[in-house]
Amino acid sequence: MPVAMHQTNEAPDAATPSRPSRRHVRIGEYAVTETGCELATYGLGSCLGVALSDTQAGVAGLAHIKRPRATEEQASPDAVFADTGIELLYRELQSAGATRRHTVATLAGGVDMRNNSAAVGRGIGDRNIEQAVATLRTLDITVAAMDVGGEVVRSVYLDGATGAVTIETTCGDRYRL
């Protein structure tokens, strides 16, 4: 199983000798790779990108979280909600060989969308961050790095081979966490 995707039928971008294949993870989706495929999610405003990797097992995954908590009626097998989405992503990593001892998390996004607060709910970015951290704590997964909050929209690129996370902002900055 090279790349497991959930909620999409999109094929990965073609690989070239200088760039491994890339898989786009859309809002409310998650993906897991065992082949070193790059996983990417774009335009994280109040949404949160959650990258999990276990380099010992050679597996990594990325979720694009939209909301903090699912109600009983809303529970679904995708990554819309931080509480259920992170658990689903981690279970998929475990089935591919990941262990708690070696799995680390990186979080990005959770912007305070002040200009759009009526559309997304007041403080939704902060609530997404708080719920993700709480869920990871419950799962006993170490948060290795966070680039969260503020006012800058981010895109996340997870190197499936190394677990390295690169951030690109709408301001044109690009850096590794």
C-alpha atoms as a PDB file:
ATOM      1  CA  MET A   1       0.000   0.000   0.000  1.00  0.00           C
ATOM      2  CA  PRO A   2       2.097   2.933  -1.200  1.00  0.00           C
ATOM      3  CA  VAL A   3      -0.214   5.874  -0.419  1.00  0.00           C
ATOM      4  CA  ALA A   4      -3.560   5.643   1.318  1.00  0.00           C
ATOM      5  CA  MET A   5      -5.934   8.530   0.610  1.00  0.00           C
ATOM      6  CA  HIS A   6      -9.254   9.196   2.175  1.00  0.00           C
ATOM      7  CA  GLN A   7     -12.119  11.131   0.588  1.00  0.00           C
ATOM      8  CA  THR A   8     -10.518  11.595  -2.829  1.00  0.00           C
ATOM      9  CA  ASN A   9      -9.630   9.642  -5.959  1.00  0.00           C
ATOM     10  CA  GLU A  10      -6.910  12.033  -7.036  1.00  0.00           C
ATOM     11  CA  ALA A  11      -3.726  10.450  -8.361  1.00  0.00           C
ATOM     12  CA  PRO A  12      -0.411  11.769  -7.052  1.00  0.00           C
ATOM     13  CA  ASP A  13       1.449  14.306  -9.160  1.00  0.00           C
ATOM     14  CA  ALA A  14       3.996  12.685 -11.433  1.00  0.00           C
ATOM     15  CA  ALA A  15       7.420  12.094  -9.945  1.00  0.00           C
ATOM     16  CA  THR A  16      10.550  13.404 -11.607  1.00  0.00           C
ATOM     17  CA  PRO A  17      14.168  12.530 -10.844  1.00  0.00           C
ATOM     18  CA  SER A  18      14.523  15.763  -8.850  1.00  0.00           C
ATOM     19  CA  ARG A  19      11.131  15.609  -7.085  1.00  0.00           C
ATOM     20  CA  PRO A  20       9.232  12.684  -5.578  1.00  0.00           C
ATOM     21  CA  SER A  21       5.542  12.332  -6.325  1.00  0.00           C
ATOM     22  CA  ARG A  22       3.265  14.708  -4.412  1.00  0.00           C
ATOM     23  CA  ARG A  23      -0.197  14.009  -3.031  1.00  0.00           C
ATOM     24  CA  HIS A  24      -2.613  16.888  -2.343  1.00  0.00           C
ATOM     25  CA  VAL A  25      -4.560  16.488   0.912  1.00  0.00           C
ATOM     26  CA  ARG A  26      -7.786  18.488   0.704  1.00  0.00           C
ATOM     27  CA  ILE A  27      -9.874  19.994   3.527  1.00  0.00           C
ATOM     28  CA  GLY A  28     -11.229  17.236   5.757  1.00  0.00           C
ATOM     29  CA  GLU A  29      -8.976  14.556   4.256  1.00  0.00           C
ATOM     30  CA  TYR A  30      -5.933  12.668   5.417  1.00  0.00           C
ATOM     31  CA  ALA A  31      -3.304  10.625   3.603  1.00  0.00           C
ATOM     32  CA  VAL A  32      -0.618   8.151   4.649  1.00  0.00           C
ATOM     33  CA  THR A  33       2.486   7.212   2.679  1.00  0.00           C
ATOM     34  CA  GLU A  34       4.982   4.392   3.083  1.00  0.00           C
ATOM     35  CA  THR A  35       6.913   5.207  -0.093  1.00  0.00           C
ATOM     36  CA  GLY A  36       8.323   8.640   0.594  1.00  0.00           C
ATOM     37  CA  CYS A  37       5.660  10.442  -1.437  1.00  0.00           C
ATOM     38  CA  GLU A  38       5.424  14.127  -0.504  1.00  0.00           C
ATOM     39  CA  LEU A  39       2.080  14.990   1.097  1.00  0.00           C
ATOM     40  CA  ALA A  40       0.905  18.587   0.774  1.00  0.00           C
ATOM     41  CA  THR A  41      -2.012  20.678   1.947  1.00  0.00           C
ATOM     42  CA  TYR A  42      -2.585  24.266   0.919  1.00  0.00           C
ATOM     43  CA  GLY A  43      -4.193  27.418   2.262  1.00  0.00           C
ATOM     44  CA  LEU A  44      -4.343  26.680   5.996  1.00  0.00           C
ATOM     45  CA  GLY A  45      -6.174  29.632   7.486  1.00  0.00           C
ATOM     46  CA  SER A  46      -8.133  28.658  10.586  1.00  0.00           C
ATOM     47  CA  CYS A  47      -7.743  25.023   9.469  1.00  0.00           C
ATOM     48  CA  LEU A  48      -4.892  23.007  10.923  1.00  0.00           C
ATOM     49  CA  GLY A  49      -2.360  20.791   9.175  1.00  0.00           C
ATOM     50  CA  VAL A  50      -1.367  17.827  11.337  1.00  0.00           C
ATOM     51  CA  ALA A  51       1.666  15.838  10.184  1.00  0.00           C
ATOM     52  CA  LEU A  52       2.541  12.558  11.905  1.00  0.00           C
ATOM     53  CA  SER A  53       5.673  10.590  11.102  1.00  0.00           C
ATOM     54  CA  ASP A  54       7.534   7.549  12.334  1.00  0.00           C
ATOM     55  CA  THR A  55      10.857   7.539  10.490  1.00  0.00           C
ATOM     56  CA  GLN A  56      11.833   4.218  12.099  1.00  0.00           C
ATOM     57  CA  ALA A  57       8.834   2.533  10.425  1.00  0.00           C
ATOM     58  CA  GLY A  58       9.139   4.624   7.256  1.00  0.00           C
ATOM     59  CA  VAL A  59       5.573   5.919   7.392  1.00  0.00           C
ATOM     60  CA  ALA A  60       4.125   9.434   7.478  1.00  0.00           C
ATOM     61  CA  GLY A  61       0.700  11.027   7.251  1.00  0.00           C
ATOM     62  CA  LEU A  62      -0.954  14.402   6.902  1.00  0.00           C
ATOM     63  CA  ALA A  63      -4.452  15.620   7.821  1.00  0.00           C
ATOM     64  CA  HIS A  64      -6.208  18.889   6.923  1.00  0.00           C
ATOM     65  CA  ILE A  65      -8.397  19.589   9.973  1.00  0.00           C
ATOM     66  CA  LYS A  66     -11.334  21.988   9.638  1.00  0.00           C
ATOM     67  CA  ARG A  67     -13.057  21.981  13.057  1.00  0.00           C
ATOM     68  CA  PRO A  68     -12.093  21.045  16.637  1.00  0.00           C
ATOM     69  CA  ARG A  69     -14.638  18.445  17.804  1.00  0.00           C
ATOM     70  CA  ALA A  70     -17.206  16.144  16.263  1.00  0.00           C
ATOM     71  CA  THR A  71     -20.540  15.614  17.932  1.00  0.00           C
ATOM     72  CA  GLU A  72     -21.935  12.085  18.036  1.00  0.00           C
ATOM     73  CA  GLU A  73     -24.080  12.870  14.979  1.00  0.00           C
ATOM     74  CA  GLN A  74     -21.124  14.331  13.074  1.00  0.00           C
ATOM     75  CA  ALA A  75     -18.594  11.535  13.585  1.00  0.00           C
ATOM     76  CA  SER A  76     -17.326  10.375  10.193  1.00  0.00           C
ATOM     77  CA  PRO A  77     -14.307   8.522   8.804  1.00  0.00           C
ATOM     78  CA  ASP A  78     -12.428  11.593   7.631  1.00  0.00           C
ATOM     79  CA  ALA A  79     -10.292  14.384   9.031  1.00  0.00           C
ATOM     80  CA  VAL A  80     -12.830  17.203   9.271  1.00  0.00           C
ATOM     81  CA  PHE A  81     -12.574  17.232  13.072  1.00  0.00           C
ATOM     82  CA  ALA A  82      -9.353  17.350  15.119  1.00  0.00           C
ATOM     83  CA  ASP A  83     -10.492  14.865  17.747  1.00  0.00           C
ATOM     84  CA  THR A  84     -11.605  12.099  15.375  1.00  0.00           C
ATOM     85  CA  GLY A  85      -9.376  12.949  12.394  1.00  0.00           C
ATOM     86  CA  ILE A  86      -6.105  12.721  14.305  1.00  0.00           C
ATOM     87  CA  GLU A  87      -7.150   9.405  15.833  1.00  0.00           C
ATOM     88  CA  LEU A  88      -8.049   8.027  12.384  1.00  0.00           C
ATOM     89  CA  LEU A  89      -4.752   9.226  10.916  1.00  0.00           C
ATOM     90  CA  TYR A  90      -2.776   7.675  13.766  1.00  0.00           C
ATOM     91  CA  ARG A  91      -4.628   4.337  13.508  1.00  0.00           C
ATOM     92  CA  GLU A  92      -3.765   4.207   9.800  1.00  0.00           C
ATOM     93  CA  LEU A  93      -0.099   4.918  10.598  1.00  0.00           C
ATOM     94  CA  GLN A  94      -0.143   2.159  13.224  1.00  0.00           C
ATOM     95  CA  SER A  95      -1.549  -0.304  10.704  1.00  0.00           C
ATOM     96  CA  ALA A  96       1.426   0.580   8.497  1.00  0.00           C
ATOM     97  CA  GLY A  97       3.881  -0.102  11.334  1.00  0.00           C
ATOM     98  CA  ALA A  98       4.137   3.182  13.286  1.00  0.00           C
ATOM     99  CA  THR A  99       4.581   3.057  17.066  1.00  0.00           C
ATOM    100  CA  ARG A 100       3.790   5.644  19.750  1.00  0.00           C
ATOM    101  CA  ARG A 101       7.410   5.631  20.835  1.00  0.00           C
ATOM    102  CA  HIS A 102       8.662   6.823  17.451  1.00  0.00           C
ATOM    103  CA  THR A 103       5.724   8.869  16.162  1.00  0.00           C
ATOM    104  CA  VAL A 104       6.029  12.646  16.312  1.00  0.00           C
ATOM    105  CA  ALA A 105       3.615  15.389  15.305  1.00  0.00           C
ATOM    106  CA  THR A 106       4.028  18.753  13.630  1.00  0.00           C
ATOM    107  CA  LEU A 107       1.186  21.298  13.585  1.00  0.00           C
ATOM    108  CA  ALA A 108       0.708  24.302  11.292  1.00  0.00           C
ATOM    109  CA  GLY A 109      -2.144  26.740  10.692  1.00  0.00           C
ATOM    110  CA  GLY A 110      -4.840  27.784  13.130  1.00  0.00           C
ATOM    111  CA  VAL A 111      -4.823  31.417  12.002  1.00  0.00           C
ATOM    112  CA  ASP A 112      -7.105  33.892  13.743  1.00  0.00           C
ATOM    113  CA  MET A 113      -9.374  34.808  10.816  1.00  0.00           C
ATOM    114  CA  ARG A 114     -10.567  38.101  12.338  1.00  0.00           C
ATOM    115  CA  ASN A 115     -11.951  39.459   9.101  1.00  0.00           C
ATOM    116  CA  ASN A 116     -13.991  36.300   8.553  1.00  0.00           C
ATOM    117  CA  SER A 117     -14.904  35.425  12.149  1.00  0.00           C
ATOM    118  CA  ALA A 118     -18.643  35.317  11.406  1.00  0.00           C
ATOM    119  CA  ALA A 119     -18.079  32.793   8.624  1.00  0.00           C
ATOM    120  CA  VAL A 120     -15.890  30.363  10.545  1.00  0.00           C
ATOM    121  CA  GLY A 121     -16.766  31.006  14.168  1.00  0.00           C
ATOM    122  CA  ARG A 122     -14.893  33.116  16.659  1.00  0.00           C
ATOM    123  CA  GLY A 123     -11.555  31.670  17.676  1.00  0.00           C
ATOM    124  CA  ILE A 124     -11.896  28.552  15.510  1.00  0.00           C
ATOM    125  CA  GLY A 125      -8.150  28.503  14.778  1.00  0.00           C
ATOM    126  CA  ASP A 126      -7.292  28.582  18.488  1.00  0.00           C
ATOM    127  CA  ARG A 127      -9.869  25.883  19.232  1.00  0.00           C
ATOM    128  CA  ASN A 128      -8.450  23.691  16.452  1.00  0.00           C
ATOM    129  CA  ILE A 129      -4.962  24.033  17.958  1.00  0.00           C
ATOM    130  CA  GLU A 130      -6.153  23.324  21.508  1.00  0.00           C
ATOM    131  CA  GLN A 131      -8.109  20.228  20.451  1.00  0.00           C
ATOM    132  CA  ALA A 132      -5.252  18.875  18.321  1.00  0.00           C
ATOM    133  CA  VAL A 133      -2.774  19.246  21.174  1.00  0.00           C
ATOM    134  CA  ALA A 134      -5.224  17.606  23.601  1.00  0.00           C
ATOM    135  CA  THR A 135      -5.878  14.699  21.219  1.00  0.00           C
ATOM    136  CA  LEU A 136      -2.154  14.161  20.632  1.00  0.00           C
ATOM    137  CA  ARG A 137      -1.550  14.254  24.400  1.00  0.00           C
ATOM    138  CA  THR A 138      -4.263  11.604  24.885  1.00  0.00           C
ATOM    139  CA  LEU A 139      -2.584   9.450  22.227  1.00  0.00           C
ATOM    140  CA  ASP A 140       0.805  10.046  23.909  1.00  0.00           C
ATOM    141  CA  ILE A 141       2.273  11.497  20.711  1.00  0.00           C
ATOM    142  CA  THR A 142       5.031  14.102  21.070  1.00  0.00           C
ATOM    143  CA  VAL A 143       4.512  17.437  19.328  1.00  0.00           C
ATOM    144  CA  ALA A 144       7.940  18.084  17.811  1.00  0.00           C
ATOM    145  CA  ALA A 145       7.141  21.468  16.252  1.00  0.00           C
ATOM    146  CA  MET A 146       4.325  23.962  15.813  1.00  0.00           C
ATOM    147  CA  ASP A 147       3.891  26.938  13.509  1.00  0.00           C
ATOM    148  CA  VAL A 148       0.413  28.050  14.522  1.00  0.00           C
ATOM    149  CA  GLY A 149      -1.751  31.112  15.070  1.00  0.00           C
ATOM    150  CA  GLY A 150      -0.937  34.584  13.871  1.00  0.00           C
ATOM    151  CA  GLU A 151      -2.390  36.018  10.692  1.00  0.00           C
ATOM    152  CA  VAL A 152      -0.422  34.325   7.899  1.00  0.00           C
ATOM    153  CA  VAL A 153      -1.994  31.579   5.781  1.00  0.00           C
ATOM    154  CA  ARG A 154       0.309  28.580   5.369  1.00  0.00           C
ATOM    155  CA  SER A 155       0.768  25.555   3.139  1.00  0.00           C
ATOM    156  CA  VAL A 156       2.412  22.381   4.476  1.00  0.00           C
ATOM    157  CA  TYR A 157       4.708  19.963   2.634  1.00  0.00           C
ATOM    158  CA  LEU A 158       5.505  16.692   4.442  1.00  0.00           C
ATOM    159  CA  ASP A 159       8.445  14.699   3.109  1.00  0.00           C
ATOM    160  CA  GLY A 160       7.175  11.150   3.479  1.00  0.00           C
ATOM    161  CA  ALA A 161      10.705   9.728   3.435  1.00  0.00           C
ATOM    162  CA  THR A 162      12.217  11.883   6.191  1.00  0.00           C
ATOM    163  CA  GLY A 163       9.223  13.265   8.097  1.00  0.00           C
ATOM    164  CA  ALA A 164      10.536  16.799   7.490  1.00  0.00           C
ATOM    165  CA  VAL A 165       7.862  19.493   7.310  1.00  0.00           C
ATOM    166  CA  THR A 166       8.299  22.580   5.158  1.00  0.00           C
ATOM    167  CA  ILE A 167       6.006  25.600   5.475  1.00  0.00           C
ATOM    168  CA  GLU A 168       5.250  28.086   2.728  1.00  0.00           C
ATOM    169  CA  THR A 169       3.353  31.278   3.556  1.00  0.00           C
ATOM    170  CA  THR A 170       1.226  33.604   1.459  1.00  0.00           C
ATOM    171  CA  CYS A 171       3.925  36.222   2.158  1.00  0.00           C
ATOM    172  CA  GLY A 172       6.372  34.134   0.117  1.00  0.00           C
ATOM    173  CA  ASP A 173       8.399  32.748   3.024  1.00  0.00           C
ATOM    174  CA  ARG A 174       9.468  29.098   2.870  1.00  0.00           C
ATOM    175  CA  TYR A 175      11.102  27.341   5.823  1.00  0.00           C
ATOM    176  CA  ARG A 176      11.535  23.963   7.444  1.00  0.00           C
ATOM    177  CA  LEU A 177      10.208  23.228  10.922  1.00  0.00           C
END
